[in-house]
PDB file of N, CA and C in Angstrom:
ATOM      1  N   ILE A   1      -8.191 189.612  81.649  1.00  0.00           N
ATOM      2  CA  ILE A   1      -9.635 189.696  81.808  1.00  0.00           C
ATOM      3  C   ILE A   1     -10.116 188.391  82.429  1.00  0.00           C
ATOM      4  N   GLN A   2     -10.876 188.533  83.486  1.00  0.00           N
ATOM      5  CA  GLN A   2     -11.401 187.368  84.183  1.00  0.00           C
ATOM      6  C   GLN A   2     -12.879 187.200  83.833  1.00  0.00           C
ATOM      7  N   ARG A   3     -13.238 186.000  83.430  1.00  0.00           N
ATOM      8  CA  ARG A   3     -14.617 185.725  83.036  1.00  0.00           C
ATOM      9  C   ARG A   3     -15.421 185.225  84.232  1.00  0.00           C
ATOM     10  N   PHE A   4     -16.714 185.543  84.217  1.00  0.00           N
ATOM     11  CA  PHE A   4     -17.621 185.102  85.264  1.00  0.00           C
ATOM     12  C   PHE A   4     -18.766 184.335  84.605  1.00  0.00           C
ATOM     13  N   VAL A   5     -18.996 183.115  85.066  1.00  0.00           N
ATOM     14  CA  VAL A   5     -20.078 182.279  84.530  1.00  0.00           C
ATOM     15  C   VAL A   5     -21.069 182.033  85.656  1.00  0.00           C
ATOM     16  N   ASP A   6     -22.332 182.383  85.410  1.00  0.00           N
ATOM     17  CA  ASP A   6     -23.368 182.270  86.436  1.00  0.00           C
ATOM     18  C   ASP A   6     -24.345 181.133  86.161  1.00  0.00           C
ATOM     19  N   GLN A   7     -24.343 180.604  84.944  1.00  0.00           N
ATOM     20  CA  GLN A   7     -25.271 179.537  84.575  1.00  0.00           C
ATOM     21  C   GLN A   7     -24.503 178.487  83.789  1.00  0.00           C
ATOM     22  N   GLN A   8     -24.767 177.225  84.095  1.00  0.00           N
ATOM     23  CA  GLN A   8     -24.033 176.144  83.444  1.00  0.00           C
ATOM     24  C   GLN A   8     -24.940 174.922  83.328  1.00  0.00           C
ATOM     25  N   ARG A   9     -24.923 174.282  82.169  1.00  0.00           N
ATOM     26  CA  ARG A   9     -25.669 173.033  81.969  1.00  0.00           C
ATOM     27  C   ARG A   9     -24.698 171.878  82.159  1.00  0.00           C
ATOM     28  N   VAL A  10     -25.055 170.962  83.055  1.00  0.00           N
ATOM     29  CA  VAL A  10     -24.172 169.850  83.412  1.00  0.00           C
ATOM     30  C   VAL A  10     -24.952 168.546  83.313  1.00  0.00           C
ATOM     31  N   THR A  11     -24.348 167.543  82.695  1.00  0.00           N
ATOM     32  CA  THR A  11     -24.924 166.204  82.640  1.00  0.00           C
ATOM     33  C   THR A  11     -24.184 165.340  83.658  1.00  0.00           C
ATOM     34  N   VAL A  12     -24.942 164.655  84.518  1.00  0.00           N
ATOM     35  CA  VAL A  12     -24.358 163.870  85.606  1.00  0.00           C
ATOM     36  C   VAL A  12     -24.875 162.440  85.531  1.00  0.00           C
ATOM     37  N   THR A  13     -23.961 161.474  85.647  1.00  0.00           N
ATOM     38  CA  THR A  13     -24.325 160.063  85.661  1.00  0.00           C
ATOM     39  C   THR A  13     -23.634 159.396  86.846  1.00  0.00           C
ATOM     40  N   GLY A  14     -24.373 158.635  87.617  1.00  0.00           N
ATOM     41  CA  GLY A  14     -23.777 157.908  88.734  1.00  0.00           C
ATOM     42  C   GLY A  14     -22.935 156.741  88.246  1.00  0.00           C
ATOM     43  N   GLY A  15     -22.057 156.257  89.113  1.00  0.00           N
ATOM     44  CA  GLY A  15     -21.191 155.141  88.752  1.00  0.00           C
ATOM     45  C   GLY A  15     -21.948 153.823  88.681  1.00  0.00           C
ATOM     46  N   LYS A  16     -21.456 152.928  87.861  1.00  0.00           N
ATOM     47  CA  LYS A  16     -22.065 151.609  87.688  1.00  0.00           C
ATOM     48  C   LYS A  16     -21.587 150.690  88.818  1.00  0.00           C
ATOM     49  N   GLY A  17     -22.479 149.894  89.317  1.00  0.00           N
ATOM     50  CA  GLY A  17     -22.096 148.915  90.336  1.00  0.00           C
ATOM     51  C   GLY A  17     -21.223 147.825  89.744  1.00  0.00           C
ATOM     52  N   GLY A  18     -20.380 147.242  90.567  1.00  0.00           N
ATOM     53  CA  GLY A  18     -19.492 146.179  90.094  1.00  0.00           C
ATOM     54  C   GLY A  18     -20.251 144.895  89.804  1.00  0.00           C
ATOM     55  N   ASP A  19     -19.696 144.076  88.945  1.00  0.00           N
ATOM     56  CA  ASP A  19     -20.320 142.809  88.579  1.00  0.00           C
ATOM     57  C   ASP A  19     -20.124 141.787  89.692  1.00  0.00           C
ATOM     58  N   GLY A  20     -21.136 140.981  89.918  1.00  0.00           N
ATOM     59  CA  GLY A  20     -21.019 139.862  90.847  1.00  0.00           C
ATOM     60  C   GLY A  20     -20.292 138.696  90.190  1.00  0.00           C
ATOM     61  N   THR A  21     -19.857 137.759  90.987  1.00  0.00           N
ATOM     62  CA  THR A  21     -19.129 136.606  90.460  1.00  0.00           C
ATOM     63  C   THR A  21     -19.920 135.336  90.730  1.00  0.00           C
ATOM     64  N   CYS A  22     -20.014 134.493  89.714  1.00  0.00           N
ATOM     65  CA  CYS A  22     -20.671 133.201  89.852  1.00  0.00           C
ATOM     66  C   CYS A  22     -19.579 132.156  90.058  1.00  0.00           C
ATOM     67  N   ALA A  23     -19.530 131.580  91.248  1.00  0.00           N
ATOM     68  CA  ALA A  23     -18.512 130.573  91.570  1.00  0.00           C
ATOM     69  C   ALA A  23     -19.134 129.525  92.480  1.00  0.00           C
ATOM     70  N   PHE A  24     -18.532 128.356  92.489  1.00  0.00           N
ATOM     71  CA  PHE A  24     -19.007 127.275  93.356  1.00  0.00           C
ATOM     72  C   PHE A  24     -17.867 126.808  94.245  1.00  0.00           C
ATOM     73  N   HIS A  25     -18.210 126.464  95.465  1.00  0.00           N
ATOM     74  CA  HIS A  25     -17.228 126.017  96.441  1.00  0.00           C
ATOM     75  C   HIS A  25     -16.602 124.694  95.989  1.00  0.00           C
ATOM     76  N   SER A  26     -15.289 124.638  96.059  1.00  0.00           N
ATOM     77  CA  SER A  26     -14.577 123.437  95.641  1.00  0.00           C
ATOM     78  C   SER A  26     -13.627 123.013  96.751  1.00  0.00           C
ATOM     79  N   GLU A  27     -13.767 121.767  97.160  1.00  0.00           N
ATOM     80  CA  GLU A  27     -12.945 121.244  98.251  1.00  0.00           C
ATOM     81  C   GLU A  27     -12.716 119.758  98.001  1.00  0.00           C
ATOM     82  N   PRO A  28     -11.539 119.233  98.343  1.00  0.00           N
ATOM     83  CA  PRO A  28     -11.305 117.796  98.143  1.00  0.00           C
ATOM     84  C   PRO A  28     -12.305 116.954  98.951  1.00  0.00           C
ATOM     85  N   ARG A  29     -12.758 115.885  98.362  1.00  0.00           N
ATOM     86  CA  ARG A  29     -13.696 114.930  98.960  1.00  0.00           C
ATOM     87  C   ARG A  29     -15.043 115.552  99.322  1.00  0.00           C
ATOM     88  N   LYS A  30     -15.363 116.681  98.732  1.00  0.00           N
ATOM     89  CA  LYS A  30     -16.685 117.291  98.922  1.00  0.00           C
ATOM     90  C   LYS A  30     -17.299 117.428  97.542  1.00  0.00           C
ATOM     91  N   GLU A  31     -18.239 116.529  97.277  1.00  0.00           N
ATOM     92  CA  GLU A  31     -18.739 116.389  95.914  1.00  0.00           C
ATOM     93  C   GLU A  31     -19.585 117.573  95.452  1.00  0.00           C
ATOM     94  N   PHE A  32     -20.502 118.049  96.288  1.00  0.00           N
ATOM     95  CA  PHE A  32     -21.420 119.114  95.888  1.00  0.00           C
ATOM     96  C   PHE A  32     -21.216 120.328  96.785  1.00  0.00           C
ATOM     97  N   GLY A  33     -20.329 121.219  96.374  1.00  0.00           N
ATOM     98  CA  GLY A  33     -20.127 122.464  97.125  1.00  0.00           C
ATOM     99  C   GLY A  33     -21.174 123.486  96.726  1.00  0.00           C
ATOM    100  N   GLY A  34     -21.526 124.336  97.641  1.00  0.00           N
ATOM    101  CA  GLY A  34     -22.530 125.363  97.363  1.00  0.00           C
ATOM    102  C   GLY A  34     -21.933 126.568  96.660  1.00  0.00           C
ATOM    103  N   PRO A  35     -22.764 127.529  96.351  1.00  0.00           N
ATOM    104  CA  PRO A  35     -22.271 128.738  95.691  1.00  0.00           C
ATOM    105  C   PRO A  35     -21.443 129.588  96.659  1.00  0.00           C
ATOM    106  N   ASP A  36     -20.388 130.199  96.147  1.00  0.00           N
ATOM    107  CA  ASP A  36     -19.600 131.084  97.013  1.00  0.00           C
ATOM    108  C   ASP A  36     -19.072 132.309  96.271  1.00  0.00           C
ATOM    109  N   GLY A  37     -19.823 132.796  95.292  1.00  0.00           N
ATOM    110  CA  GLY A  37     -19.430 134.023  94.579  1.00  0.00           C
ATOM    111  C   GLY A  37     -19.852 135.257  95.355  1.00  0.00           C
ATOM    112  N   GLY A  38     -19.108 136.355  95.187  1.00  0.00           N
ATOM    113  CA  GLY A  38     -19.400 137.591  95.914  1.00  0.00           C
ATOM    114  C   GLY A  38     -20.124 138.615  95.052  1.00  0.00           C
ATOM    115  N   ASN A  39     -20.824 139.520  95.710  1.00  0.00           N
ATOM    116  CA  ASN A  39     -21.528 140.609  95.020  1.00  0.00           C
ATOM    117  C   ASN A  39     -20.554 141.711  94.632  1.00  0.00           C
ATOM    118  N   GLY A  40     -20.918 142.486  93.630  1.00  0.00           N
ATOM    119  CA  GLY A  40     -20.107 143.632  93.219  1.00  0.00           C
ATOM    120  C   GLY A  40     -20.334 144.822  94.125  1.00  0.00           C
ATOM    121  N   GLY A  41     -19.379 145.743  94.127  1.00  0.00           N
ATOM    122  CA  GLY A  41     -19.483 146.944  94.955  1.00  0.00           C
ATOM    123  C   GLY A  41     -20.420 147.977  94.357  1.00  0.00           C
ATOM    124  N   ASP A  42     -20.899 148.886  95.191  1.00  0.00           N
ATOM    125  CA  ASP A  42     -21.806 149.945  94.747  1.00  0.00           C
ATOM    126  C   ASP A  42     -21.051 150.996  93.946  1.00  0.00           C
ATOM    127  N   GLY A  43     -21.727 151.588  92.966  1.00  0.00           N
ATOM    128  CA  GLY A  43     -21.146 152.679  92.190  1.00  0.00           C
ATOM    129  C   GLY A  43     -21.172 153.977  92.982  1.00  0.00           C
ATOM    130  N   GLY A  44     -20.296 154.891  92.644  1.00  0.00           N
ATOM    131  CA  GLY A  44     -20.193 156.160  93.364  1.00  0.00           C
ATOM    132  C   GLY A  44     -21.250 157.169  92.945  1.00  0.00           C
ATOM    133  N   HIS A  45     -21.595 158.066  93.863  1.00  0.00           N
ATOM    134  CA  HIS A  45     -22.553 159.139  93.605  1.00  0.00           C
ATOM    135  C   HIS A  45     -21.810 160.387  93.149  1.00  0.00           C
ATOM    136  N   VAL A  46     -22.535 161.294  92.509  1.00  0.00           N
ATOM    137  CA  VAL A  46     -22.014 162.624  92.209  1.00  0.00           C
ATOM    138  C   VAL A  46     -22.814 163.594  93.072  1.00  0.00           C
ATOM    139  N   ILE A  47     -22.113 164.343  93.935  1.00  0.00           N
ATOM    140  CA  ILE A  47     -22.769 165.172  94.947  1.00  0.00           C
ATOM    141  C   ILE A  47     -22.377 166.632  94.744  1.00  0.00           C
ATOM    142  N   LEU A  48     -23.381 167.535  94.743  1.00  0.00           N
ATOM    143  CA  LEU A  48     -23.111 168.967  94.706  1.00  0.00           C
ATOM    144  C   LEU A  48     -22.724 169.425  96.104  1.00  0.00           C
ATOM    145  N   LYS A  49     -21.602 170.136  96.203  1.00  0.00           N
ATOM    146  CA  LYS A  49     -21.114 170.604  97.500  1.00  0.00           C
ATOM    147  C   LYS A  49     -20.780 172.087  97.391  1.00  0.00           C
ATOM    148  N   VAL A  50     -21.304 172.899  98.320  1.00  0.00           N
ATOM    149  CA  VAL A  50     -21.060 174.333  98.302  1.00  0.00           C
ATOM    150  C   VAL A  50     -19.696 174.614  98.916  1.00  0.00           C
ATOM    151  N   ALA A  51     -18.882 175.397  98.197  1.00  0.00           N
ATOM    152  CA  ALA A  51     -17.565 175.804  98.693  1.00  0.00           C
ATOM    153  C   ALA A  51     -17.469 177.322  98.593  1.00  0.00           C
ATOM    154  N   GLN A  52     -17.096 177.970  99.694  1.00  0.00           N
ATOM    155  CA  GLN A  52     -17.042 179.426  99.729  1.00  0.00           C
ATOM    156  C   GLN A  52     -15.948 179.994  98.822  1.00  0.00           C
ATOM    157  N   GLN A  53     -14.876 179.222  98.567  1.00  0.00           N
ATOM    158  CA  GLN A  53     -13.785 179.734  97.743  1.00  0.00           C
ATOM    159  C   GLN A  53     -14.117 179.753  96.257  1.00  0.00           C
ATOM    160  N   VAL A  54     -15.169 179.070  95.827  1.00  0.00           N
ATOM    161  CA  VAL A  54     -15.571 179.057  94.414  1.00  0.00           C
ATOM    162  C   VAL A  54     -16.459 180.276  94.169  1.00  0.00           C
ATOM    163  N   LYS A  55     -16.053 181.124  93.225  1.00  0.00           N
ATOM    164  CA  LYS A  55     -16.799 182.348  92.934  1.00  0.00           C
ATOM    165  C   LYS A  55     -17.583 182.269  91.626  1.00  0.00           C
ATOM    166  N   SER A  56     -17.146 181.422  90.710  1.00  0.00           N
ATOM    167  CA  SER A  56     -17.770 181.339  89.394  1.00  0.00           C
ATOM    168  C   SER A  56     -17.922 179.870  89.002  1.00  0.00           C
ATOM    169  N   LEU A  57     -18.797 179.604  88.069  1.00  0.00           N
ATOM    170  CA  LEU A  57     -18.985 178.252  87.562  1.00  0.00           C
ATOM    171  C   LEU A  57     -18.114 177.981  86.336  1.00  0.00           C
ATOM    172  N   LEU A  58     -17.081 178.780  86.144  1.00  0.00           N
ATOM    173  CA  LEU A  58     -16.217 178.670  84.975  1.00  0.00           C
ATOM    174  C   LEU A  58     -15.470 177.337  84.928  1.00  0.00           C
ATOM    175  N   GLY A  59     -15.079 176.813  86.075  1.00  0.00           N
ATOM    176  CA  GLY A  59     -14.312 175.568  86.116  1.00  0.00           C
ATOM    177  C   GLY A  59     -15.149 174.306  86.045  1.00  0.00           C
ATOM    178  N   ILE A  60     -16.455 174.432  85.939  1.00  0.00           N
ATOM    179  CA  ILE A  60     -17.342 173.271  85.904  1.00  0.00           C
ATOM    180  C   ILE A  60     -17.353 172.685  84.501  1.00  0.00           C
ATOM    181  N   LYS A  61     -17.110 171.372  84.400  1.00  0.00           N
ATOM    182  CA  LYS A  61     -17.179 170.691  83.102  1.00  0.00           C
ATOM    183  C   LYS A  61     -18.639 170.413  82.745  1.00  0.00           C
ATOM    184  N   SER A  62     -18.880 170.033  81.518  1.00  0.00           N
ATOM    185  CA  SER A  62     -20.259 169.796  81.080  1.00  0.00           C
ATOM    186  C   SER A  62     -20.730 168.372  81.363  1.00  0.00           C
ATOM    187  N   TYR A  63     -19.823 167.470  81.738  1.00  0.00           N
ATOM    188  CA  TYR A  63     -20.222 166.079  81.998  1.00  0.00           C
ATOM    189  C   TYR A  63     -19.421 165.524  83.174  1.00  0.00           C
ATOM    190  N   TYR A  64     -20.121 164.918  84.123  1.00  0.00           N
ATOM    191  CA  TYR A  64     -19.491 164.244  85.258  1.00  0.00           C
ATOM    192  C   TYR A  64     -20.065 162.843  85.375  1.00  0.00           C
ATOM    193  N   ARG A  65     -19.205 161.890  85.700  1.00  0.00           N
ATOM    194  CA  ARG A  65     -19.637 160.506  85.864  1.00  0.00           C
ATOM    195  C   ARG A  65     -19.028 159.956  87.131  1.00  0.00           C
ATOM    196  N   GLY A  66     -19.851 159.255  87.933  1.00  0.00           N
ATOM    197  CA  GLY A  66     -19.352 158.631  89.148  1.00  0.00           C
ATOM    198  C   GLY A  66     -18.424 157.474  88.830  1.00  0.00           C
ATOM    199  N   ILE A  67     -17.625 157.086  89.806  1.00  0.00           N
ATOM    200  CA  ILE A  67     -16.667 156.000  89.649  1.00  0.00           C
ATOM    201  C   ILE A  67     -17.399 154.665  89.774  1.00  0.00           C
ATOM    202  N   ASP A  68     -16.990 153.680  88.976  1.00  0.00           N
ATOM    203  CA  ASP A  68     -17.616 152.355  89.004  1.00  0.00           C
ATOM    204  C   ASP A  68     -17.119 151.548  90.202  1.00  0.00           C
ATOM    205  N   GLY A  69     -18.006 150.683  90.734  1.00  0.00           N
ATOM    206  CA  GLY A  69     -17.628 149.782  91.816  1.00  0.00           C
ATOM    207  C   GLY A  69     -16.811 148.613  91.284  1.00  0.00           C
ATOM    208  N   GLU A  70     -16.047 147.974  92.169  1.00  0.00           N
ATOM    209  CA  GLU A  70     -15.218 146.838  91.762  1.00  0.00           C
ATOM    210  C   GLU A  70     -16.053 145.561  91.702  1.00  0.00           C
ATOM    211  N   ALA A  71     -15.578 144.617  90.916  1.00  0.00           N
ATOM    212  CA  ALA A  71     -16.274 143.335  90.755  1.00  0.00           C
ATOM    213  C   ALA A  71     -16.049 142.447  91.985  1.00  0.00           C
ATOM    214  N   GLY A  72     -17.000 141.557  92.228  1.00  0.00           N
ATOM    215  CA  GLY A  72     -16.851 140.580  93.299  1.00  0.00           C
ATOM    216  C   GLY A  72     -15.895 139.472  92.893  1.00  0.00           C
ATOM    217  N   ALA A  73     -15.556 138.595  93.840  1.00  0.00           N
ATOM    218  CA  ALA A  73     -14.630 137.495  93.568  1.00  0.00           C
ATOM    219  C   ALA A  73     -15.170 136.224  94.215  1.00  0.00           C
ATOM    220  N   SER A  74     -14.469 135.130  94.002  1.00  0.00           N
ATOM    221  CA  SER A  74     -14.888 133.866  94.617  1.00  0.00           C
ATOM    222  C   SER A  74     -14.600 133.895  96.119  1.00  0.00           C
ATOM    223  N   LYS A  75     -15.011 132.857  96.818  1.00  0.00           N
ATOM    224  CA  LYS A  75     -14.876 132.730  98.281  1.00  0.00           C
ATOM    225  C   LYS A  75     -15.637 133.838  99.010  1.00  0.00           C
ATOM    226  N   ASN A  76     -16.812 134.211  98.483  1.00  0.00           N
ATOM    227  CA  ASN A  76     -17.694 135.227  99.066  1.00  0.00           C
ATOM    228  C   ASN A  76     -17.026 136.575  99.256  1.00  0.00           C
ATOM    229  N   CYS A  77     -16.088 136.932  98.395  1.00  0.00           N
ATOM    230  CA  CYS A  77     -15.415 138.228  98.476  1.00  0.00           C
ATOM    231  C   CYS A  77     -16.256 139.276  97.745  1.00  0.00           C
ATOM    232  N   TYR A  78     -16.696 140.276  98.477  1.00  0.00           N
ATOM    233  CA  TYR A  78     -17.492 141.348  97.907  1.00  0.00           C
ATOM    234  C   TYR A  78     -16.587 142.383  97.256  1.00  0.00           C
ATOM    235  N   GLY A  79     -17.090 143.038  96.207  1.00  0.00           N
ATOM    236  CA  GLY A  79     -16.334 144.098  95.546  1.00  0.00           C
ATOM    237  C   GLY A  79     -16.329 145.363  96.382  1.00  0.00           C
ATOM    238  N   LYS A  80     -15.316 146.191  96.173  1.00  0.00           N
ATOM    239  CA  LYS A  80     -15.176 147.434  96.926  1.00  0.00           C
ATOM    240  C   LYS A  80     -16.143 148.481  96.379  1.00  0.00           C
ATOM    241  N   ASN A  81     -16.791 149.230  97.291  1.00  0.00           N
ATOM    242  CA  ASN A  81     -17.664 150.323  96.883  1.00  0.00           C
ATOM    243  C   ASN A  81     -16.818 151.470  96.341  1.00  0.00           C
ATOM    244  N   ALA A  82     -17.341 152.183  95.366  1.00  0.00           N
ATOM    245  CA  ALA A  82     -16.605 153.292  94.763  1.00  0.00           C
ATOM    246  C   ALA A  82     -16.719 154.547  95.621  1.00  0.00           C
ATOM    247  N   ALA A  83     -15.731 155.425  95.500  1.00  0.00           N
ATOM    248  CA  ALA A  83     -15.748 156.699  96.211  1.00  0.00           C
ATOM    249  C   ALA A  83     -16.726 157.654  95.519  1.00  0.00           C
ATOM    250  N   HIS A  84     -17.225 158.619  96.284  1.00  0.00           N
ATOM    251  CA  HIS A  84     -18.142 159.610  95.728  1.00  0.00           C
ATOM    252  C   HIS A  84     -17.354 160.715  95.024  1.00  0.00           C
ATOM    253  N   THR A  85     -17.981 161.333  94.011  1.00  0.00           N
ATOM    254  CA  THR A  85     -17.396 162.464  93.299  1.00  0.00           C
ATOM    255  C   THR A  85     -18.128 163.716  93.753  1.00  0.00           C
ATOM    256  N   TYR A  86     -17.373 164.713  94.226  1.00  0.00           N
ATOM    257  CA  TYR A  86     -17.963 165.958  94.714  1.00  0.00           C
ATOM    258  C   TYR A  86     -17.773 167.050  93.672  1.00  0.00           C
ATOM    259  N   LEU A  87     -18.848 167.734  93.365  1.00  0.00           N
ATOM    260  CA  LEU A  87     -18.848 168.829  92.410  1.00  0.00           C
ATOM    261  C   LEU A  87     -18.970 170.119  93.207  1.00  0.00           C
ATOM    262  N   LEU A  88     -17.888 170.915  93.251  1.00  0.00           N
ATOM    263  CA  LEU A  88     -17.862 172.139  94.051  1.00  0.00           C
ATOM    264  C   LEU A  88     -18.528 173.281  93.294  1.00  0.00           C
ATOM    265  N   VAL A  89     -19.509 173.918  93.926  1.00  0.00           N
ATOM    266  CA  VAL A  89     -20.216 175.055  93.344  1.00  0.00           C
ATOM    267  C   VAL A  89     -20.134 176.227  94.312  1.00  0.00           C
ATOM    268  N   SER A  90     -20.392 177.427  93.810  1.00  0.00           N
ATOM    269  CA  SER A  90     -20.311 178.617  94.648  1.00  0.00           C
ATOM    270  C   SER A  90     -21.546 178.741  95.531  1.00  0.00           C
ATOM    271  N   GLY A  91     -21.363 179.375  96.681  1.00  0.00           N
ATOM    272  CA  GLY A  91     -22.459 179.582  97.617  1.00  0.00           C
ATOM    273  C   GLY A  91     -23.426 180.642  97.104  1.00  0.00           C
ATOM    274  N   GLY A  92     -24.677 180.559  97.515  1.00  0.00           N
ATOM    275  CA  GLY A  92     -25.667 181.533  97.080  1.00  0.00           C
ATOM    276  C   GLY A  92     -26.345 181.169  95.776  1.00  0.00           C
ATOM    277  N   LYS A  93     -25.875 180.160  95.106  1.00  0.00           N
ATOM    278  CA  LYS A  93     -26.502 179.706  93.866  1.00  0.00           C
ATOM    279  C   LYS A  93     -27.507 178.609  94.221  1.00  0.00           C
ATOM    280  N   CYS A  94     -28.489 178.448  93.392  1.00  0.00           N
ATOM    281  CA  CYS A  94     -29.417 177.355  93.609  1.00  0.00           C
ATOM    282  C   CYS A  94     -29.592 176.592  92.308  1.00  0.00           C
ATOM    283  N   SER A  95     -29.856 175.323  92.435  1.00  0.00           N
ATOM    284  CA  SER A  95     -30.133 174.499  91.262  1.00  0.00           C
ATOM    285  C   SER A  95     -31.621 174.617  90.989  1.00  0.00           C
ATOM    286  N   LYS A  96     -31.973 175.395  89.973  1.00  0.00           N
ATOM    287  CA  LYS A  96     -33.385 175.600  89.665  1.00  0.00           C
ATOM    288  C   LYS A  96     -34.049 174.330  89.180  1.00  0.00           C
ATOM    289  N   ARG A  97     -33.321 173.614  88.363  1.00  0.00           N
ATOM    290  CA  ARG A  97     -33.947 172.449  87.741  1.00  0.00           C
ATOM    291  C   ARG A  97     -32.987 171.275  87.829  1.00  0.00           C
ATOM    292  N   ILE A  98     -33.306 170.342  88.684  1.00  0.00           N
ATOM    293  CA  ILE A  98     -32.538 169.105  88.782  1.00  0.00           C
ATOM    294  C   ILE A  98     -33.435 167.997  88.272  1.00  0.00           C
ATOM    295  N   ILE A  99     -33.008 167.355  87.207  1.00  0.00           N
ATOM    296  CA  ILE A  99     -33.811 166.295  86.600  1.00  0.00           C
ATOM    297  C   ILE A  99     -33.100 164.969  86.870  1.00  0.00           C
ATOM    298  N   PHE A 100     -33.805 164.034  87.470  1.00  0.00           N
ATOM    299  CA  PHE A 100     -33.258 162.718  87.725  1.00  0.00           C
ATOM    300  C   PHE A 100     -33.683 161.791  86.600  1.00  0.00           C
ATOM    301  N   VAL A 101     -32.710 161.299  85.862  1.00  0.00           N
ATOM    302  CA  VAL A 101     -32.986 160.389  84.762  1.00  0.00           C
ATOM    303  C   VAL A 101     -32.396 159.029  85.146  1.00  0.00           C
ATOM    304  N   VAL A 102     -33.231 158.015  85.131  1.00  0.00           N
ATOM    305  CA  VAL A 102     -32.782 156.662  85.469  1.00  0.00           C
ATOM    306  C   VAL A 102     -32.700 155.857  84.186  1.00  0.00           C
ATOM    307  N   PHE A 103     -31.502 155.352  83.914  1.00  0.00           N
ATOM    308  CA  PHE A 103     -31.304 154.535  82.735  1.00  0.00           C
ATOM    309  C   PHE A 103     -31.384 153.065  83.130  1.00  0.00           C
ATOM    310  N   PRO A 104     -32.146 152.253  82.392  1.00  0.00           N
ATOM    311  CA  PRO A 104     -32.236 150.837  82.741  1.00  0.00           C
ATOM    312  C   PRO A 104     -30.900 150.128  82.549  1.00  0.00           C
ATOM    313  N   GLY A 105     -30.648 149.123  83.403  1.00  0.00           N
ATOM    314  CA  GLY A 105     -29.423 148.341  83.265  1.00  0.00           C
ATOM    315  C   GLY A 105     -28.420 148.805  84.152  1.00  0.00           C
TER     316      GLY A 105
END
């Protein structure tokens, strides 16, 4: 028996950005070096993508979270941005209610 699911409640959270690094330039015979820490990478998004081969929402989990970005490093090295997470849904369906919740921090 094959089950068909037409409605699904899903909680989605985007990935956290990577932490920046606080560092100061250090060089011999240079007394006051400036800052040279890098910024963290951006967190990944969760994107709904229509796929014709998906017929039911049975394989959809109840919680998805984007991938976190990498931390920055010294010598102005920026962290790597995270890849996006794609959530495959069947064609012909519509998201009736998409609520964007922004959490501080």
